[in-house]
Amino acid sequence: MAAVPITHVLSAAMVEARGFRDAVCLARGVTEEDFVVEGDVKEVVQMLQGLKNASSSLAVNITDAINLARHFHYVSFSFVRRDCNRVAQTIAKYALSMEFSTLWDWNFSDWAYREASLDIFEMQ
């Protein structure tokens, strides 16, 4: 997982589209495996899935994410409800206070495990 401060944001959809693009870019440098990228802005996920036309303000990031995903055998863009996505919400809130980019490996901190456990519990 990664957190990167973003400036000049006009909408949540713009941040989400950029996040999907950045996630696929990051994956290219880390894995050759199939993977899933999840987001909680349904409109953006539908654009990435080809179910909806990309609006002009999102087109560059949507097109980049789709083109970058072609380098993999399989990439899934998936919608996840915000109330079942505590880890991402916690990281996003933390990232808002950051001045520099951060990359986490799979050794998540205790707070990430705690939030993930709450996500799983609420999904049941």
C-alpha atoms as a PDB file:
ATOM      1  CA  MET A   1       0.000   0.000   0.000  1.00  0.00           C
ATOM      2  CA  ALA A   2       1.076   3.515  -0.578  1.00  0.00           C
ATOM      3  CA  ALA A   3       0.072   6.984   0.448  1.00  0.00           C
ATOM      4  CA  VAL A   4       0.987  10.006  -1.599  1.00  0.00           C
ATOM      5  CA  PRO A   5      -0.018  13.602  -0.888  1.00  0.00           C
ATOM      6  CA  ILE A   6      -1.995  15.067  -3.805  1.00  0.00           C
ATOM      7  CA  THR A   7      -2.526  18.773  -4.394  1.00  0.00           C
ATOM      8  CA  HIS A   8      -5.014  20.664  -6.580  1.00  0.00           C
ATOM      9  CA  VAL A   9      -7.843  18.190  -6.063  1.00  0.00           C
ATOM     10  CA  LEU A  10     -11.207  19.119  -7.526  1.00  0.00           C
ATOM     11  CA  SER A  11     -13.287  16.074  -6.554  1.00  0.00           C
ATOM     12  CA  ALA A  12     -13.286  12.713  -4.796  1.00  0.00           C
ATOM     13  CA  ALA A  13     -13.688  11.069  -8.205  1.00  0.00           C
ATOM     14  CA  MET A  14     -10.500  12.752  -9.415  1.00  0.00           C
ATOM     15  CA  VAL A  15      -8.550  11.471  -6.417  1.00  0.00           C
ATOM     16  CA  GLU A  16     -10.014   7.996  -6.899  1.00  0.00           C
ATOM     17  CA  ALA A  17      -9.120   7.900 -10.605  1.00  0.00           C
ATOM     18  CA  ARG A  18      -5.585   9.036  -9.811  1.00  0.00           C
ATOM     19  CA  GLY A  19      -5.396   6.422  -7.057  1.00  0.00           C
ATOM     20  CA  PHE A  20      -6.337   3.622  -9.446  1.00  0.00           C
ATOM     21  CA  ARG A  21      -3.748   4.833 -11.945  1.00  0.00           C
ATOM     22  CA  ASP A  22      -1.061   5.076  -9.281  1.00  0.00           C
ATOM     23  CA  ALA A  23      -1.961   1.628  -7.916  1.00  0.00           C
ATOM     24  CA  VAL A  24      -1.429  -0.001 -11.313  1.00  0.00           C
ATOM     25  CA  CYS A  25       1.851   1.922 -11.754  1.00  0.00           C
ATOM     26  CA  LEU A  26       3.008   0.750  -8.344  1.00  0.00           C
ATOM     27  CA  ALA A  27       2.033  -2.849  -9.098  1.00  0.00           C
ATOM     28  CA  ARG A  28       4.107  -2.819 -12.290  1.00  0.00           C
ATOM     29  CA  GLY A  29       7.211  -2.276 -10.202  1.00  0.00           C
ATOM     30  CA  VAL A  30       6.305  -4.808  -7.521  1.00  0.00           C
ATOM     31  CA  THR A  31       4.573  -7.819  -9.094  1.00  0.00           C
ATOM     32  CA  GLU A  32       3.752  -9.640 -12.288  1.00  0.00           C
ATOM     33  CA  GLU A  33       0.835 -11.431 -10.621  1.00  0.00           C
ATOM     34  CA  ASP A  34      -2.853 -10.857 -11.191  1.00  0.00           C
ATOM     35  CA  PHE A  35      -4.358  -8.389  -8.745  1.00  0.00           C
ATOM     36  CA  VAL A  36      -7.455  -6.458  -7.700  1.00  0.00           C
ATOM     37  CA  VAL A  37      -7.644  -2.702  -7.178  1.00  0.00           C
ATOM     38  CA  GLU A  38     -10.564  -1.597  -5.027  1.00  0.00           C
ATOM     39  CA  GLY A  39     -12.174   1.806  -4.760  1.00  0.00           C
ATOM     40  CA  ASP A  40     -15.237   3.354  -3.186  1.00  0.00           C
ATOM     41  CA  VAL A  41     -16.277   5.816  -5.892  1.00  0.00           C
ATOM     42  CA  LYS A  42     -18.669   3.706  -7.954  1.00  0.00           C
ATOM     43  CA  GLU A  43     -18.683   6.051 -10.945  1.00  0.00           C
ATOM     44  CA  VAL A  44     -14.904   5.720 -11.348  1.00  0.00           C
ATOM     45  CA  VAL A  45     -14.980   1.928 -10.996  1.00  0.00           C
ATOM     46  CA  GLN A  46     -17.695   1.751 -13.669  1.00  0.00           C
ATOM     47  CA  MET A  47     -15.526   3.859 -15.996  1.00  0.00           C
ATOM     48  CA  LEU A  48     -12.577   1.541 -15.442  1.00  0.00           C
ATOM     49  CA  GLN A  49     -14.774  -1.494 -16.073  1.00  0.00           C
ATOM     50  CA  GLY A  50     -15.976   0.029 -19.355  1.00  0.00           C
ATOM     51  CA  LEU A  51     -19.551   0.336 -18.103  1.00  0.00           C
ATOM     52  CA  LYS A  52     -19.562   4.118 -18.279  1.00  0.00           C
ATOM     53  CA  ASN A  53     -17.793   6.725 -20.425  1.00  0.00           C
ATOM     54  CA  ALA A  54     -15.017   8.606 -18.656  1.00  0.00           C
ATOM     55  CA  SER A  55     -15.786  12.252 -18.028  1.00  0.00           C
ATOM     56  CA  SER A  56     -13.274  14.707 -19.476  1.00  0.00           C
ATOM     57  CA  SER A  57     -11.839  15.616 -16.062  1.00  0.00           C
ATOM     58  CA  LEU A  58     -11.084  11.943 -15.314  1.00  0.00           C
ATOM     59  CA  ALA A  59     -10.244  10.669 -18.794  1.00  0.00           C
ATOM     60  CA  VAL A  60      -6.447  10.905 -18.548  1.00  0.00           C
ATOM     61  CA  ASN A  61      -6.195   8.923 -15.311  1.00  0.00           C
ATOM     62  CA  ILE A  62      -8.873   6.408 -16.365  1.00  0.00           C
ATOM     63  CA  THR A  63      -7.208   5.819 -19.748  1.00  0.00           C
ATOM     64  CA  ASP A  64      -3.760   5.533 -18.142  1.00  0.00           C
ATOM     65  CA  ALA A  65      -4.996   2.995 -15.571  1.00  0.00           C
ATOM     66  CA  ILE A  66      -6.641   0.869 -18.273  1.00  0.00           C
ATOM     67  CA  ASN A  67      -3.600   1.000 -20.560  1.00  0.00           C
ATOM     68  CA  LEU A  68      -1.179   0.219 -17.726  1.00  0.00           C
ATOM     69  CA  ALA A  69      -3.373  -2.702 -16.636  1.00  0.00           C
ATOM     70  CA  ARG A  70      -2.873  -4.301 -20.054  1.00  0.00           C
ATOM     71  CA  HIS A  71       0.684  -5.182 -19.000  1.00  0.00           C
ATOM     72  CA  PHE A  72      -0.774  -7.799 -16.652  1.00  0.00           C
ATOM     73  CA  HIS A  73      -2.580 -11.032 -17.407  1.00  0.00           C
ATOM     74  CA  TYR A  74      -5.512  -9.991 -15.232  1.00  0.00           C
ATOM     75  CA  VAL A  75      -6.379  -6.841 -13.285  1.00  0.00           C
ATOM     76  CA  SER A  76      -9.779  -6.316 -11.701  1.00  0.00           C
ATOM     77  CA  PHE A  77     -11.149  -2.908 -10.812  1.00  0.00           C
ATOM     78  CA  SER A  78     -13.661  -3.481  -8.044  1.00  0.00           C
ATOM     79  CA  PHE A  79     -16.149  -1.323  -6.153  1.00  0.00           C
ATOM     80  CA  VAL A  80     -16.182  -1.602  -2.378  1.00  0.00           C
ATOM     81  CA  ARG A  81     -18.636   0.268  -0.158  1.00  0.00           C
ATOM     82  CA  ARG A  82     -16.969   2.943   1.942  1.00  0.00           C
ATOM     83  CA  ASP A  83     -18.406   1.526   5.176  1.00  0.00           C
ATOM     84  CA  CYS A  84     -16.612  -1.784   4.442  1.00  0.00           C
ATOM     85  CA  ASN A  85     -13.305  -0.133   3.663  1.00  0.00           C
ATOM     86  CA  ARG A  86     -11.969   1.073   7.004  1.00  0.00           C
ATOM     87  CA  VAL A  87      -8.310   0.442   6.237  1.00  0.00           C
ATOM     88  CA  ALA A  88      -8.403   2.609   3.114  1.00  0.00           C
ATOM     89  CA  GLN A  89     -10.337   5.346   4.905  1.00  0.00           C
ATOM     90  CA  THR A  90      -7.867   5.348   7.809  1.00  0.00           C
ATOM     91  CA  ILE A  91      -4.893   5.499   5.439  1.00  0.00           C
ATOM     92  CA  ALA A  92      -6.549   8.283   3.433  1.00  0.00           C
ATOM     93  CA  LYS A  93      -7.108  10.351   6.574  1.00  0.00           C
ATOM     94  CA  TYR A  94      -3.504   9.763   7.625  1.00  0.00           C
ATOM     95  CA  ALA A  95      -2.239  10.635   4.132  1.00  0.00           C
ATOM     96  CA  LEU A  96      -3.956  14.019   4.278  1.00  0.00           C
ATOM     97  CA  SER A  97      -1.498  15.036   6.989  1.00  0.00           C
ATOM     98  CA  MET A  98       1.590  13.808   5.096  1.00  0.00           C
ATOM     99  CA  GLU A  99       4.174  15.918   3.370  1.00  0.00           C
ATOM    100  CA  PHE A 100       6.030  13.061   1.624  1.00  0.00           C
ATOM    101  CA  SER A 101       5.146   9.817  -0.172  1.00  0.00           C
ATOM    102  CA  THR A 102       5.082   6.617   1.865  1.00  0.00           C
ATOM    103  CA  LEU A 103       5.159   2.982   0.770  1.00  0.00           C
ATOM    104  CA  TRP A 104       4.094   0.198   3.136  1.00  0.00           C
ATOM    105  CA  ASP A 105       5.118  -3.397   2.637  1.00  0.00           C
ATOM    106  CA  TRP A 106       2.977  -6.311   3.814  1.00  0.00           C
ATOM    107  CA  ASN A 107       4.029  -5.805   7.437  1.00  0.00           C
ATOM    108  CA  PHE A 108       1.037  -3.685   8.355  1.00  0.00           C
ATOM    109  CA  SER A 109       0.981  -1.906  11.637  1.00  0.00           C
ATOM    110  CA  ASP A 110      -1.392  -2.896  14.447  1.00  0.00           C
ATOM    111  CA  TRP A 111      -3.896  -0.171  13.545  1.00  0.00           C
ATOM    112  CA  ALA A 112      -4.211  -1.545   9.982  1.00  0.00           C
ATOM    113  CA  TYR A 113      -4.899  -5.059  11.284  1.00  0.00           C
ATOM    114  CA  ARG A 114      -7.463  -3.687  13.721  1.00  0.00           C
ATOM    115  CA  GLU A 115      -9.269  -1.744  10.982  1.00  0.00           C
ATOM    116  CA  ALA A 116      -9.158  -4.727   8.600  1.00  0.00           C
ATOM    117  CA  SER A 117     -10.670  -6.934  11.300  1.00  0.00           C
ATOM    118  CA  LEU A 118     -13.523  -4.454  11.731  1.00  0.00           C
ATOM    119  CA  ASP A 119     -14.096  -4.448   7.951  1.00  0.00           C
ATOM    120  CA  ILE A 120     -14.351  -8.239   7.886  1.00  0.00           C
ATOM    121  CA  PHE A 121     -16.639  -8.322  10.928  1.00  0.00           C
ATOM    122  CA  GLU A 122     -19.021  -5.769   9.376  1.00  0.00           C
ATOM    123  CA  MET A 123     -19.145  -7.643   6.060  1.00  0.00           C
ATOM    124  CA  GLN A 124     -20.430 -10.814   7.766  1.00  0.00           C
END
